[in-house]
Amino acid sequence: MKTETKLTFDELVKLEPELGRLLADAKAHRPEKGCYYRDWYKLFKPRLIRLVGLMAEKDNVMLCSSEAYSLAYHTILDAMGMKPNEIKEPIK
């Protein structure tokens, strides 16, 4: 019987060190009041989608998975003190 191990953020960072820098930036970020969404869409999401998920500019299958994107997305949002259900589409 094969047991699957769950992917961790640390494993992703080993494959793509820039994710560690992105997490550190998210933890250190202190947005102006009411600017969490703006900052997510302008500062963090563009970096994230280049590193993990279906649109990642990587050859590594693990980094290009939806599981990797979901894990990194939730980790970065948590570091910013945000929850996924709080993210709204940007106002154009």
PDB file of N, CA and C in Angstrom:
ATOM      1  N   MET A   1       0.833  -1.186   0.000  1.00  0.00           N
ATOM      2  CA  MET A   1       0.000   0.000   0.000  1.00  0.00           C
ATOM      3  C   MET A   1       0.877   1.249   0.000  1.00  0.00           C
ATOM      4  N   LYS A   2       0.638   2.116  -0.949  1.00  0.00           N
ATOM      5  CA  LYS A   2       1.431   3.331  -1.086  1.00  0.00           C
ATOM      6  C   LYS A   2       0.737   4.480  -0.356  1.00  0.00           C
ATOM      7  N   THR A   3       1.504   5.190   0.444  1.00  0.00           N
ATOM      8  CA  THR A   3       0.947   6.359   1.109  1.00  0.00           C
ATOM      9  C   THR A   3       1.552   7.600   0.472  1.00  0.00           C
ATOM     10  N   GLU A   4       0.708   8.561   0.203  1.00  0.00           N
ATOM     11  CA  GLU A   4       1.175   9.800  -0.401  1.00  0.00           C
ATOM     12  C   GLU A   4       1.547  10.790   0.694  1.00  0.00           C
ATOM     13  N   THR A   5       2.643  11.480   0.464  1.00  0.00           N
ATOM     14  CA  THR A   5       3.029  12.517   1.402  1.00  0.00           C
ATOM     15  C   THR A   5       2.538  13.853   0.870  1.00  0.00           C
ATOM     16  N   LYS A   6       2.149  14.693   1.782  1.00  0.00           N
ATOM     17  CA  LYS A   6       1.633  15.992   1.411  1.00  0.00           C
ATOM     18  C   LYS A   6       2.791  16.954   1.147  1.00  0.00           C
ATOM     19  N   LEU A   7       2.676  17.725   0.111  1.00  0.00           N
ATOM     20  CA  LEU A   7       3.671  18.712  -0.255  1.00  0.00           C
ATOM     21  C   LEU A   7       3.750  19.796   0.815  1.00  0.00           C
ATOM     22  N   THR A   8       4.948  20.259   1.112  1.00  0.00           N
ATOM     23  CA  THR A   8       5.122  21.337   2.085  1.00  0.00           C
ATOM     24  C   THR A   8       5.713  22.560   1.404  1.00  0.00           C
ATOM     25  N   PHE A   9       5.530  23.706   2.045  1.00  0.00           N
ATOM     26  CA  PHE A   9       6.083  24.940   1.503  1.00  0.00           C
ATOM     27  C   PHE A   9       7.613  24.878   1.502  1.00  0.00           C
ATOM     28  N   ASP A  10       8.193  24.289   2.513  1.00  0.00           N
ATOM     29  CA  ASP A  10       9.653  24.150   2.567  1.00  0.00           C
ATOM     30  C   ASP A  10      10.180  23.355   1.374  1.00  0.00           C
ATOM     31  N   GLU A  11       9.445  22.337   0.964  1.00  0.00           N
ATOM     32  CA  GLU A  11       9.851  21.568  -0.216  1.00  0.00           C
ATOM     33  C   GLU A  11       9.793  22.433  -1.474  1.00  0.00           C
ATOM     34  N   LEU A  12       8.770  23.269  -1.554  1.00  0.00           N
ATOM     35  CA  LEU A  12       8.677  24.179  -2.703  1.00  0.00           C
ATOM     36  C   LEU A  12       9.847  25.157  -2.714  1.00  0.00           C
ATOM     37  N   VAL A  13      10.218  25.659  -1.548  1.00  0.00           N
ATOM     38  CA  VAL A  13      11.332  26.604  -1.454  1.00  0.00           C
ATOM     39  C   VAL A  13      12.644  25.940  -1.885  1.00  0.00           C
ATOM     40  N   LYS A  14      12.802  24.661  -1.586  1.00  0.00           N
ATOM     41  CA  LYS A  14      14.006  23.944  -2.036  1.00  0.00           C
ATOM     42  C   LYS A  14      14.058  23.885  -3.566  1.00  0.00           C
ATOM     43  N   LEU A  15      12.896  23.753  -4.190  1.00  0.00           N
ATOM     44  CA  LEU A  15      12.831  23.723  -5.652  1.00  0.00           C
ATOM     45  C   LEU A  15      12.919  25.116  -6.259  1.00  0.00           C
ATOM     46  N   GLU A  16      12.383  26.104  -5.557  1.00  0.00           N
ATOM     47  CA  GLU A  16      12.360  27.484  -6.053  1.00  0.00           C
ATOM     48  C   GLU A  16      12.616  28.441  -4.897  1.00  0.00           C
ATOM     49  N   PRO A  17      13.888  28.789  -4.657  1.00  0.00           N
ATOM     50  CA  PRO A  17      14.244  29.657  -3.522  1.00  0.00           C
ATOM     51  C   PRO A  17      13.551  31.022  -3.523  1.00  0.00           C
ATOM     52  N   GLU A  18      13.150  31.500  -4.670  1.00  0.00           N
ATOM     53  CA  GLU A  18      12.464  32.803  -4.728  1.00  0.00           C
ATOM     54  C   GLU A  18      11.170  32.791  -3.915  1.00  0.00           C
ATOM     55  N   LEU A  19      10.557  31.622  -3.751  1.00  0.00           N
ATOM     56  CA  LEU A  19       9.359  31.524  -2.913  1.00  0.00           C
ATOM     57  C   LEU A  19       9.669  31.891  -1.467  1.00  0.00           C
ATOM     58  N   GLY A  20      10.835  31.550  -0.988  1.00  0.00           N
ATOM     59  CA  GLY A  20      11.249  31.921   0.362  1.00  0.00           C
ATOM     60  C   GLY A  20      11.381  33.423   0.502  1.00  0.00           C
ATOM     61  N   ARG A  21      11.930  34.071  -0.526  1.00  0.00           N
ATOM     62  CA  ARG A  21      12.051  35.533  -0.504  1.00  0.00           C
ATOM     63  C   ARG A  21      10.671  36.187  -0.583  1.00  0.00           C
ATOM     64  N   LEU A  22       9.783  35.603  -1.370  1.00  0.00           N
ATOM     65  CA  LEU A  22       8.423  36.125  -1.471  1.00  0.00           C
ATOM     66  C   LEU A  22       7.710  36.030  -0.121  1.00  0.00           C
ATOM     67  N   LEU A  23       7.885  34.912   0.570  1.00  0.00           N
ATOM     68  CA  LEU A  23       7.284  34.749   1.892  1.00  0.00           C
ATOM     69  C   LEU A  23       7.853  35.771   2.872  1.00  0.00           C
ATOM     70  N   ALA A  24       9.157  35.969   2.854  1.00  0.00           N
ATOM     71  CA  ALA A  24       9.778  36.950   3.747  1.00  0.00           C
ATOM     72  C   ALA A  24       9.249  38.353   3.459  1.00  0.00           C
ATOM     73  N   ASP A  25       9.091  38.691   2.188  1.00  0.00           N
ATOM     74  CA  ASP A  25       8.546  40.001   1.817  1.00  0.00           C
ATOM     75  C   ASP A  25       7.108  40.149   2.307  1.00  0.00           C
ATOM     76  N   ALA A  26       6.324  39.080   2.179  1.00  0.00           N
ATOM     77  CA  ALA A  26       4.923  39.120   2.627  1.00  0.00           C
ATOM     78  C   ALA A  26       4.836  39.315   4.140  1.00  0.00           C
ATOM     79  N   LYS A  27       5.714  38.641   4.875  1.00  0.00           N
ATOM     80  CA  LYS A  27       5.720  38.773   6.337  1.00  0.00           C
ATOM     81  C   LYS A  27       6.116  40.180   6.759  1.00  0.00           C
ATOM     82  N   ALA A  28       7.037  40.789   6.034  1.00  0.00           N
ATOM     83  CA  ALA A  28       7.533  42.120   6.388  1.00  0.00           C
ATOM     84  C   ALA A  28       6.638  43.243   5.888  1.00  0.00           C
ATOM     85  N   HIS A  29       5.759  42.937   4.950  1.00  0.00           N
ATOM     86  CA  HIS A  29       4.932  43.968   4.312  1.00  0.00           C
ATOM     87  C   HIS A  29       3.910  44.550   5.283  1.00  0.00           C
ATOM     88  N   ARG A  30       3.834  45.840   5.308  1.00  0.00           N
ATOM     89  CA  ARG A  30       2.854  46.556   6.128  1.00  0.00           C
ATOM     90  C   ARG A  30       2.099  47.534   5.229  1.00  0.00           C
ATOM     91  N   PRO A  31       0.993  47.076   4.654  1.00  0.00           N
ATOM     92  CA  PRO A  31       0.266  47.944   3.726  1.00  0.00           C
ATOM     93  C   PRO A  31      -0.430  49.099   4.436  1.00  0.00           C
ATOM     94  N   GLU A  32      -0.670  50.129   3.673  1.00  0.00           N
ATOM     95  CA  GLU A  32      -1.486  51.229   4.180  1.00  0.00           C
ATOM     96  C   GLU A  32      -2.879  50.677   4.456  1.00  0.00           C
ATOM     97  N   LYS A  33      -3.587  51.320   5.356  1.00  0.00           N
ATOM     98  CA  LYS A  33      -4.938  50.871   5.684  1.00  0.00           C
ATOM     99  C   LYS A  33      -5.790  50.771   4.414  1.00  0.00           C
ATOM    100  N   GLY A  34      -6.430  49.629   4.266  1.00  0.00           N
ATOM    101  CA  GLY A  34      -7.321  49.411   3.127  1.00  0.00           C
ATOM    102  C   GLY A  34      -6.621  49.043   1.826  1.00  0.00           C
ATOM    103  N   CYS A  35      -5.331  48.812   1.856  1.00  0.00           N
ATOM    104  CA  CYS A  35      -4.587  48.539   0.620  1.00  0.00           C
ATOM    105  C   CYS A  35      -4.122  47.095   0.478  1.00  0.00           C
ATOM    106  N   TYR A  36      -4.654  46.206   1.303  1.00  0.00           N
ATOM    107  CA  TYR A  36      -4.251  44.806   1.220  1.00  0.00           C
ATOM    108  C   TYR A  36      -4.501  44.236  -0.174  1.00  0.00           C
ATOM    109  N   TYR A  37      -5.685  44.485  -0.723  1.00  0.00           N
ATOM    110  CA  TYR A  37      -6.037  43.912  -2.016  1.00  0.00           C
ATOM    111  C   TYR A  37      -5.154  44.481  -3.116  1.00  0.00           C
ATOM    112  N   ARG A  38      -4.979  45.784  -3.093  1.00  0.00           N
ATOM    113  CA  ARG A  38      -4.135  46.424  -4.095  1.00  0.00           C
ATOM    114  C   ARG A  38      -2.733  45.824  -4.050  1.00  0.00           C
ATOM    115  N   ASP A  39      -2.187  45.709  -2.860  1.00  0.00           N
ATOM    116  CA  ASP A  39      -0.837  45.199  -2.716  1.00  0.00           C
ATOM    117  C   ASP A  39      -0.739  43.734  -3.134  1.00  0.00           C
ATOM    118  N   TRP A  40      -1.759  42.936  -2.812  1.00  0.00           N
ATOM    119  CA  TRP A  40      -1.757  41.534  -3.230  1.00  0.00           C
ATOM    120  C   TRP A  40      -1.667  41.439  -4.746  1.00  0.00           C
ATOM    121  N   TYR A  41      -2.540  42.184  -5.448  1.00  0.00           N
ATOM    122  CA  TYR A  41      -2.594  42.095  -6.901  1.00  0.00           C
ATOM    123  C   TYR A  41      -1.411  42.755  -7.597  1.00  0.00           C
ATOM    124  N   LYS A  42      -0.856  43.792  -7.020  1.00  0.00           N
ATOM    125  CA  LYS A  42       0.242  44.497  -7.682  1.00  0.00           C
ATOM    126  C   LYS A  42       1.622  44.000  -7.276  1.00  0.00           C
ATOM    127  N   LEU A  43       1.803  43.611  -6.023  1.00  0.00           N
ATOM    128  CA  LEU A  43       3.132  43.273  -5.528  1.00  0.00           C
ATOM    129  C   LEU A  43       3.406  41.781  -5.392  1.00  0.00           C
ATOM    130  N   PHE A  44       2.399  41.026  -5.021  1.00  0.00           N
ATOM    131  CA  PHE A  44       2.649  39.628  -4.671  1.00  0.00           C
ATOM    132  C   PHE A  44       2.152  38.621  -5.705  1.00  0.00           C
ATOM    133  N   LYS A  45       0.934  38.767  -6.166  1.00  0.00           N
ATOM    134  CA  LYS A  45       0.404  37.775  -7.104  1.00  0.00           C
ATOM    135  C   LYS A  45       1.220  37.679  -8.394  1.00  0.00           C
ATOM    136  N   PRO A  46       1.658  38.792  -8.991  1.00  0.00           N
ATOM    137  CA  PRO A  46       2.466  38.655 -10.211  1.00  0.00           C
ATOM    138  C   PRO A  46       3.744  37.837  -9.990  1.00  0.00           C
ATOM    139  N   ARG A  47       4.360  37.990  -8.843  1.00  0.00           N
ATOM    140  CA  ARG A  47       5.561  37.209  -8.533  1.00  0.00           C
ATOM    141  C   ARG A  47       5.204  35.741  -8.324  1.00  0.00           C
ATOM    142  N   LEU A  48       4.101  35.504  -7.624  1.00  0.00           N
ATOM    143  CA  LEU A  48       3.691  34.139  -7.310  1.00  0.00           C
ATOM    144  C   LEU A  48       3.391  33.334  -8.571  1.00  0.00           C
ATOM    145  N   ILE A  49       2.651  33.907  -9.502  1.00  0.00           N
ATOM    146  CA  ILE A  49       2.249  33.136 -10.688  1.00  0.00           C
ATOM    147  C   ILE A  49       3.420  32.831 -11.621  1.00  0.00           C
ATOM    148  N   ARG A  50       4.510  33.560 -11.507  1.00  0.00           N
ATOM    149  CA  ARG A  50       5.709  33.220 -12.285  1.00  0.00           C
ATOM    150  C   ARG A  50       6.453  32.036 -11.677  1.00  0.00           C
ATOM    151  N   LEU A  51       6.225  31.807 -10.378  1.00  0.00           N
ATOM    152  CA  LEU A  51       6.997  30.795  -9.648  1.00  0.00           C
ATOM    153  C   LEU A  51       6.312  29.445  -9.519  1.00  0.00           C
ATOM    154  N   VAL A  52       4.995  29.437  -9.363  1.00  0.00           N
ATOM    155  CA  VAL A  52       4.259  28.180  -9.158  1.00  0.00           C
ATOM    156  C   VAL A  52       2.928  28.201  -9.892  1.00  0.00           C
ATOM    157  N   GLY A  53       2.414  27.007 -10.154  1.00  0.00           N
ATOM    158  CA  GLY A  53       1.099  26.877 -10.772  1.00  0.00           C
ATOM    159  C   GLY A  53       1.167  26.695 -12.279  1.00  0.00           C
ATOM    160  N   LEU A  54       0.011  26.651 -12.882  1.00  0.00           N
ATOM    161  CA  LEU A  54      -0.101  26.346 -14.301  1.00  0.00           C
ATOM    162  C   LEU A  54       0.567  27.369 -15.199  1.00  0.00           C
ATOM    163  N   MET A  55       0.695  28.602 -14.734  1.00  0.00           N
ATOM    164  CA  MET A  55       1.310  29.660 -15.544  1.00  0.00           C
ATOM    165  C   MET A  55       2.775  29.899 -15.172  1.00  0.00           C
ATOM    166  N   ALA A  56       3.318  29.066 -14.313  1.00  0.00           N
ATOM    167  CA  ALA A  56       4.706  29.236 -13.871  1.00  0.00           C
ATOM    168  C   ALA A  56       5.672  29.104 -15.038  1.00  0.00           C
ATOM    169  N   GLU A  57       6.696  29.904 -14.993  1.00  0.00           N
ATOM    170  CA  GLU A  57       7.717  29.875 -16.032  1.00  0.00           C
ATOM    171  C   GLU A  57       8.819  28.906 -15.617  1.00  0.00           C
ATOM    172  N   LYS A  58       8.435  27.658 -15.345  1.00  0.00           N
ATOM    173  CA  LYS A  58       9.355  26.640 -14.825  1.00  0.00           C
ATOM    174  C   LYS A  58       9.212  25.341 -15.612  1.00  0.00           C
ATOM    175  N   ASP A  59      10.255  24.539 -15.577  1.00  0.00           N
ATOM    176  CA  ASP A  59      10.225  23.217 -16.212  1.00  0.00           C
ATOM    177  C   ASP A  59       9.866  22.117 -15.220  1.00  0.00           C
ATOM    178  N   ASN A  60       9.918  22.424 -13.929  1.00  0.00           N
ATOM    179  CA  ASN A  60       9.662  21.424 -12.900  1.00  0.00           C
ATOM    180  C   ASN A  60       8.160  21.152 -12.796  1.00  0.00           C
ATOM    181  N   VAL A  61       7.776  19.895 -12.984  1.00  0.00           N
ATOM    182  CA  VAL A  61       6.363  19.503 -12.963  1.00  0.00           C
ATOM    183  C   VAL A  61       5.714  19.815 -11.610  1.00  0.00           C
ATOM    184  N   MET A  62       6.453  19.600 -10.527  1.00  0.00           N
ATOM    185  CA  MET A  62       5.913  19.850  -9.186  1.00  0.00           C
ATOM    186  C   MET A  62       5.565  21.333  -9.017  1.00  0.00           C
ATOM    187  N   LEU A  63       6.452  22.220  -9.456  1.00  0.00           N
ATOM    188  CA  LEU A  63       6.197  23.660  -9.321  1.00  0.00           C
ATOM    189  C   LEU A  63       5.021  24.115 -10.179  1.00  0.00           C
ATOM    190  N   CYS A  64       4.788  23.431 -11.276  1.00  0.00           N
ATOM    191  CA  CYS A  64       3.717  23.821 -12.191  1.00  0.00           C
ATOM    192  C   CYS A  64       2.363  23.205 -11.835  1.00  0.00           C
ATOM    193  N   SER A  65       2.276  22.557 -10.703  1.00  0.00           N
ATOM    194  CA  SER A  65       1.019  21.905 -10.315  1.00  0.00           C
ATOM    195  C   SER A  65       0.071  22.881  -9.614  1.00  0.00           C
ATOM    196  N   SER A  66      -1.198  22.570  -9.687  1.00  0.00           N
ATOM    197  CA  SER A  66      -2.189  23.378  -8.972  1.00  0.00           C
ATOM    198  C   SER A  66      -2.029  23.209  -7.462  1.00  0.00           C
ATOM    199  N   GLU A  67      -1.540  22.054  -7.030  1.00  0.00           N
ATOM    200  CA  GLU A  67      -1.289  21.824  -5.607  1.00  0.00           C
ATOM    201  C   GLU A  67      -0.207  22.784  -5.100  1.00  0.00           C
ATOM    202  N   ALA A  68       0.851  22.967  -5.883  1.00  0.00           N
ATOM    203  CA  ALA A  68       1.922  23.889  -5.491  1.00  0.00           C
ATOM    204  C   ALA A  68       1.408  25.313  -5.422  1.00  0.00           C
ATOM    205  N   TYR A  69       0.594  25.702  -6.400  1.00  0.00           N
ATOM    206  CA  TYR A  69       0.044  27.062  -6.394  1.00  0.00           C
ATOM    207  C   TYR A  69      -0.830  27.278  -5.164  1.00  0.00           C
ATOM    208  N   SER A  70      -1.718  26.350  -4.896  1.00  0.00           N
ATOM    209  CA  SER A  70      -2.629  26.476  -3.764  1.00  0.00           C
ATOM    210  C   SER A  70      -1.867  26.588  -2.447  1.00  0.00           C
ATOM    211  N   LEU A  71      -0.863  25.748  -2.275  1.00  0.00           N
ATOM    212  CA  LEU A  71      -0.068  25.783  -1.059  1.00  0.00           C
ATOM    213  C   LEU A  71       0.668  27.117  -0.922  1.00  0.00           C
ATOM    214  N   ALA A  72       1.320  27.572  -1.972  1.00  0.00           N
ATOM    215  CA  ALA A  72       2.050  28.841  -1.919  1.00  0.00           C
ATOM    216  C   ALA A  72       1.087  30.017  -1.724  1.00  0.00           C
ATOM    217  N   TYR A  73      -0.020  30.005  -2.425  1.00  0.00           N
ATOM    218  CA  TYR A  73      -1.043  31.059  -2.317  1.00  0.00           C
ATOM    219  C   TYR A  73      -1.517  31.203  -0.877  1.00  0.00           C
ATOM    220  N   HIS A  74      -1.905  30.111  -0.265  1.00  0.00           N
ATOM    221  CA  HIS A  74      -2.397  30.157   1.111  1.00  0.00           C
ATOM    222  C   HIS A  74      -1.304  30.559   2.102  1.00  0.00           C
ATOM    223  N   THR A  75      -0.088  30.110   1.866  1.00  0.00           N
ATOM    224  CA  THR A  75       1.024  30.451   2.749  1.00  0.00           C
ATOM    225  C   THR A  75       1.332  31.946   2.685  1.00  0.00           C
ATOM    226  N   ILE A  76       1.360  32.503   1.485  1.00  0.00           N
ATOM    227  CA  ILE A  76       1.657  33.929   1.322  1.00  0.00           C
ATOM    228  C   ILE A  76       0.527  34.778   1.898  1.00  0.00           C
ATOM    229  N   LEU A  77      -0.702  34.417   1.611  1.00  0.00           N
ATOM    230  CA  LEU A  77      -1.833  35.182   2.168  1.00  0.00           C
ATOM    231  C   LEU A  77      -1.819  35.153   3.687  1.00  0.00           C
ATOM    232  N   ASP A  78      -1.553  33.995   4.260  1.00  0.00           N
ATOM    233  CA  ASP A  78      -1.494  33.872   5.708  1.00  0.00           C
ATOM    234  C   ASP A  78      -0.406  34.779   6.282  1.00  0.00           C
ATOM    235  N   ALA A  79       0.738  34.846   5.609  1.00  0.00           N
ATOM    236  CA  ALA A  79       1.834  35.702   6.066  1.00  0.00           C
ATOM    237  C   ALA A  79       1.443  37.179   6.032  1.00  0.00           C
ATOM    238  N   MET A  80       0.538  37.531   5.113  1.00  0.00           N
ATOM    239  CA  MET A  80       0.072  38.912   5.012  1.00  0.00           C
ATOM    240  C   MET A  80      -1.090  39.196   5.961  1.00  0.00           C
ATOM    241  N   GLY A  81      -1.553  38.153   6.657  1.00  0.00           N
ATOM    242  CA  GLY A  81      -2.692  38.321   7.551  1.00  0.00           C
ATOM    243  C   GLY A  81      -4.022  38.345   6.825  1.00  0.00           C
ATOM    244  N   MET A  82      -4.058  37.732   5.636  1.00  0.00           N
ATOM    245  CA  MET A  82      -5.278  37.713   4.828  1.00  0.00           C
ATOM    246  C   MET A  82      -5.788  36.287   4.701  1.00  0.00           C
ATOM    247  N   LYS A  83      -7.051  36.167   4.341  1.00  0.00           N
ATOM    248  CA  LYS A  83      -7.676  34.874   4.109  1.00  0.00           C
ATOM    249  C   LYS A  83      -8.147  34.827   2.651  1.00  0.00           C
ATOM    250  N   PRO A  84      -8.110  33.649   2.016  1.00  0.00           N
ATOM    251  CA  PRO A  84      -8.511  33.562   0.606  1.00  0.00           C
ATOM    252  C   PRO A  84      -9.911  34.111   0.325  1.00  0.00           C
ATOM    253  N   ASN A  85     -10.833  33.922   1.224  1.00  0.00           N
ATOM    254  CA  ASN A  85     -12.201  34.424   0.969  1.00  0.00           C
ATOM    255  C   ASN A  85     -12.291  35.946   1.091  1.00  0.00           C
ATOM    256  N   GLU A  86     -11.225  36.585   1.527  1.00  0.00           N
ATOM    257  CA  GLU A  86     -11.185  38.043   1.596  1.00  0.00           C
ATOM    258  C   GLU A  86     -10.672  38.682   0.316  1.00  0.00           C
ATOM    259  N   ILE A  87     -10.115  37.868  -0.581  1.00  0.00           N
ATOM    260  CA  ILE A  87      -9.552  38.385  -1.824  1.00  0.00           C
ATOM    261  C   ILE A  87     -10.690  38.624  -2.812  1.00  0.00           C
ATOM    262  N   LYS A  88     -10.686  39.805  -3.370  1.00  0.00           N
ATOM    263  CA  LYS A  88     -11.690  40.178  -4.369  1.00  0.00           C
ATOM    264  C   LYS A  88     -10.959  40.552  -5.649  1.00  0.00           C
ATOM    265  N   GLU A  89     -11.670  40.525  -6.737  1.00  0.00           N
ATOM    266  CA  GLU A  89     -11.074  40.955  -7.990  1.00  0.00           C
ATOM    267  C   GLU A  89     -10.735  42.438  -7.898  1.00  0.00           C
ATOM    268  N   PRO A  90      -9.621  42.832  -8.518  1.00  0.00           N
ATOM    269  CA  PRO A  90      -9.240  44.247  -8.440  1.00  0.00           C
ATOM    270  C   PRO A  90     -10.244  45.121  -9.175  1.00  0.00           C
ATOM    271  N   ILE A  91     -10.433  46.317  -8.666  1.00  0.00           N
ATOM    272  CA  ILE A  91     -11.303  47.293  -9.313  1.00  0.00           C
ATOM    273  C   ILE A  91     -10.539  47.912 -10.476  1.00  0.00           C
ATOM    274  N   LYS A  92     -11.155  47.951 -11.617  1.00  0.00           N
ATOM    275  CA  LYS A  92     -10.473  48.480 -12.808  1.00  0.00           C
ATOM    276  C   LYS A  92     -10.903  49.887 -13.099  1.00  0.00           C
TER     277      LYS A  92
END
